[in-house]
Amino acid sequence: MGTTISNERSAQLKNEAMTRMRWRLWFAFRDSKYDQFKHVNKGKVYPNYAKIKEYCLRHWGKEIKDMGYNELSNRISIVLKWKD
């Protein structure tokens, strides 16, 4: 017997998956070798959201929030290659 998932639950799971993918891209930028994407505050390293947003708009033509699942996956794989 199979498990059924309601349309609401399916939409919620998809939304959660997209949120995780977006955060993975933000933190892939933060962990890259380029310091322009990092912001240090009280000894902790955070993503520099403004610089990342600017980069995405300039080079990819859209913000992270507007990217689909496949595009996010592709961009994450690109940015992960920028590690030291």
Protein backbone atom coordinates (compact mmCIF):
# COMPACT_ATOMS: atom_id res chain seq x y z
CA MET A 1 0.00 0.00 0.00
CA GLY A 2 1.45 3.36 -1.04
CA THR A 3 1.62 6.54 0.92
CA THR A 4 -0.40 9.48 -0.32
CA ILE A 5 0.73 13.05 0.11
CA SER A 6 -1.76 15.87 -0.17
CA ASN A 7 -1.17 18.69 -2.63
CA GLU A 8 -0.61 21.10 0.27
CA ARG A 9 2.02 18.85 1.83
CA SER A 10 3.68 18.36 -1.55
CA ALA A 11 3.89 22.12 -2.08
CA GLN A 12 5.26 22.58 1.45
CA LEU A 13 7.97 19.94 0.88
CA LYS A 14 8.93 21.51 -2.45
CA ASN A 15 9.14 24.96 -0.84
CA GLU A 16 11.36 23.59 1.95
CA ALA A 17 13.63 21.91 -0.61
CA MET A 18 13.97 25.16 -2.56
CA THR A 19 14.79 27.07 0.63
CA ARG A 20 17.55 24.57 1.45
CA MET A 21 18.96 24.86 -2.08
CA ARG A 22 19.03 28.67 -1.84
CA TRP A 23 20.87 28.52 1.48
CA ARG A 24 23.32 26.00 0.02
CA LEU A 25 24.15 28.52 -2.72
CA TRP A 26 24.52 31.42 -0.24
CA PHE A 27 26.95 29.38 1.86
CA ALA A 28 28.81 28.02 -1.18
CA PHE A 29 29.58 31.64 -2.03
CA ARG A 30 30.68 32.29 1.56
CA ASP A 31 32.99 29.26 1.54
CA SER A 32 34.57 30.15 -1.81
CA LYS A 33 38.13 31.42 -2.07
CA TYR A 34 36.90 34.94 -2.92
CA ASP A 35 36.84 37.27 0.08
CA GLN A 36 34.36 39.65 -1.55
CA PHE A 37 31.58 37.14 -0.79
CA LYS A 38 32.44 36.96 2.93
CA HIS A 39 31.41 39.26 5.75
CA VAL A 40 33.14 38.89 9.13
CA ASN A 41 31.24 40.06 12.20
CA LYS A 42 32.54 39.42 15.72
CA GLY A 43 34.86 36.69 14.50
CA LYS A 44 32.15 34.80 12.59
CA VAL A 45 32.07 34.55 8.81
CA TYR A 46 28.75 35.23 7.08
CA PRO A 47 27.77 35.49 3.42
CA ASN A 48 27.96 39.04 2.07
CA TYR A 49 24.41 39.06 0.73
CA ALA A 50 24.68 42.37 -1.14
CA LYS A 51 27.83 41.34 -3.05
CA ILE A 52 26.41 37.89 -3.85
CA LYS A 53 23.14 39.39 -5.08
CA GLU A 54 25.05 41.89 -7.22
CA TYR A 55 27.22 39.11 -8.70
CA CYS A 56 24.21 36.91 -9.51
CA LEU A 57 22.37 39.76 -11.22
CA ARG A 58 25.41 40.83 -13.22
CA HIS A 59 26.63 37.40 -14.32
CA TRP A 60 23.54 35.18 -14.28
CA GLY A 61 20.80 37.73 -14.87
CA LYS A 62 18.66 36.85 -11.84
CA GLU A 63 18.64 36.75 -8.07
CA ILE A 64 18.94 33.55 -6.07
CA LYS A 65 15.30 33.82 -4.99
CA ASP A 66 14.19 33.72 -8.65
CA MET A 67 16.14 30.61 -9.65
CA GLY A 68 14.55 27.21 -10.15
CA TYR A 69 15.74 23.91 -8.67
CA ASN A 70 17.86 22.81 -11.65
CA GLU A 71 19.40 26.25 -12.03
CA LEU A 72 20.25 26.42 -8.32
CA SER A 73 21.83 22.98 -8.53
CA ASN A 74 23.91 24.06 -11.52
CA ARG A 75 25.03 27.30 -9.85
CA ILE A 76 25.94 25.48 -6.62
CA SER A 77 28.18 23.08 -8.55
CA ILE A 78 29.89 26.04 -10.25
CA VAL A 79 30.50 27.94 -7.01
CA LEU A 80 31.73 24.84 -5.15
CA LYS A 81 34.58 24.63 -7.65
CA TRP A 82 35.86 27.99 -6.39
CA LYS A 83 37.24 26.56 -3.15
CA ASP A 84 40.92 26.99 -2.30
